[in-house]
Amino acid sequence: MFVWALVIIVVLLIPILAIVLDSQIGKAMAERLSSGRVPDDVQARLESLEGEVRYLTATVEELREETEFVRSLVEGSPGRSDAPRLGSRPSDEGTPPTGE
């Protein structure tokens, strides 16, 4: 059953492929593939997109470095475990808030 379905699909695709290749679209595609060159507007758009990708890559790398730096600040250095945390003052440690 599967073999017959495959044979029918192939038999139907042969005339469809011949029609498409003989049409204006098929000829334009063949000409574009054989020329090997890209139109100027497409080339300009491609160069613009490549520049944007380079910019975004650099920006992501900067953000990664900044995130690592902030993470190291938040986690604290292993040698500075006695450093006070945010929101606490050294003079107020151990005394309850007075409500002022």
Protein backbone atom coordinates (compact mmCIF):
# COMPACT_ATOMS: atom_id res chain seq x y z
CA MET A 1 0.00 0.00 0.00
CA PHE A 2 2.80 2.41 0.97
CA VAL A 3 4.71 1.63 -2.21
CA TRP A 4 1.68 2.38 -4.40
CA ALA A 5 1.12 5.71 -2.63
CA LEU A 6 4.75 6.64 -3.21
CA VAL A 7 4.54 5.69 -6.89
CA ILE A 8 1.38 7.79 -7.35
CA ILE A 9 3.00 10.80 -5.67
CA VAL A 10 6.09 10.53 -7.88
CA VAL A 11 3.96 10.15 -11.01
CA LEU A 12 1.97 13.27 -10.10
CA LEU A 13 5.05 15.29 -9.20
CA ILE A 14 6.72 14.78 -12.58
CA PRO A 15 4.22 16.90 -14.59
CA ILE A 16 3.95 19.47 -11.80
CA LEU A 17 7.73 19.84 -11.75
CA ALA A 18 7.82 20.17 -15.54
CA ILE A 19 5.18 22.94 -15.44
CA VAL A 20 6.99 24.85 -12.71
CA LEU A 21 10.39 24.60 -14.39
CA ASP A 22 8.96 25.75 -17.71
CA SER A 23 7.15 28.74 -16.19
CA GLN A 24 8.49 32.28 -15.72
CA ILE A 25 9.15 31.59 -12.03
CA GLY A 26 11.20 28.50 -12.87
CA LYS A 27 13.22 30.37 -15.45
CA ALA A 28 13.85 33.26 -13.04
CA MET A 29 14.98 30.86 -10.33
CA ALA A 30 17.30 29.08 -12.77
CA GLU A 31 18.78 32.37 -13.93
CA ARG A 32 19.34 33.55 -10.37
CA LEU A 33 21.00 30.27 -9.39
CA SER A 34 23.23 30.19 -12.46
CA SER A 35 24.38 33.82 -12.17
CA GLY A 36 25.74 33.28 -8.66
CA ARG A 37 25.51 36.94 -7.75
CA VAL A 38 23.19 38.64 -5.29
CA PRO A 39 21.24 41.80 -6.21
CA ASP A 40 22.61 45.04 -4.76
CA ASP A 41 19.67 45.72 -2.46
CA VAL A 42 19.89 42.23 -0.99
CA GLN A 43 23.65 42.62 -0.55
CA ALA A 44 23.15 45.93 1.30
CA ARG A 45 20.52 44.38 3.56
CA LEU A 46 22.81 41.43 4.26
CA GLU A 47 25.70 43.71 5.22
CA SER A 48 23.38 45.73 7.47
CA LEU A 49 22.17 42.57 9.19
CA GLU A 50 25.74 41.33 9.65
CA GLY A 51 26.62 44.65 11.31
CA GLU A 52 23.64 44.35 13.63
CA VAL A 53 24.64 40.80 14.56
CA ARG A 54 28.18 41.97 15.40
CA TYR A 55 26.76 44.80 17.53
CA LEU A 56 24.36 42.47 19.35
CA THR A 57 27.13 39.94 19.94
CA ALA A 58 29.33 42.61 21.52
CA THR A 59 26.42 43.89 23.62
CA VAL A 60 25.57 40.40 24.89
CA GLU A 61 29.22 39.83 25.80
CA GLU A 62 29.31 43.12 27.74
CA LEU A 63 26.11 42.18 29.56
CA ARG A 64 27.58 38.77 30.42
CA GLU A 65 30.69 40.42 31.89
CA GLU A 66 28.58 42.92 33.86
CA THR A 67 26.38 40.12 35.18
CA GLU A 68 29.41 38.13 36.33
CA PHE A 69 30.80 41.23 38.05
CA VAL A 70 27.51 42.00 39.83
CA ARG A 71 27.12 38.35 40.81
CA SER A 72 30.60 38.35 42.33
CA LEU A 73 29.73 41.50 44.28
CA VAL A 74 26.44 40.08 45.53
CA GLU A 75 27.90 36.72 46.50
CA GLY A 76 30.88 38.40 48.12
CA SER A 77 34.51 37.43 48.01
CA PRO A 78 35.48 34.30 49.95
CA GLY A 79 38.15 36.28 51.86
CA ARG A 80 35.76 39.08 52.91
CA SER A 81 33.04 37.18 54.74
CA ASP A 82 33.17 39.73 57.61
CA ALA A 83 32.01 42.57 55.34
CA PRO A 84 28.63 44.08 56.31
CA ARG A 85 25.62 43.31 54.14
CA LEU A 86 23.45 45.90 52.45
CA GLY A 87 20.99 47.61 54.79
CA SER A 88 22.92 46.93 57.99
CA ARG A 89 25.09 49.45 59.76
CA PRO A 90 28.02 48.28 61.87
CA SER A 91 26.91 50.37 64.87
CA ASP A 92 23.34 49.00 64.82
CA GLU A 93 24.23 45.31 64.75
CA GLY A 94 22.65 43.48 67.66
CA THR A 95 20.30 46.32 68.69
CA PRO A 96 16.62 46.23 67.77
CA PRO A 97 15.20 49.07 65.68
CA THR A 98 13.85 51.98 67.70
CA GLY A 99 11.10 52.96 65.26
CA GLU A 100 12.41 56.45 64.57
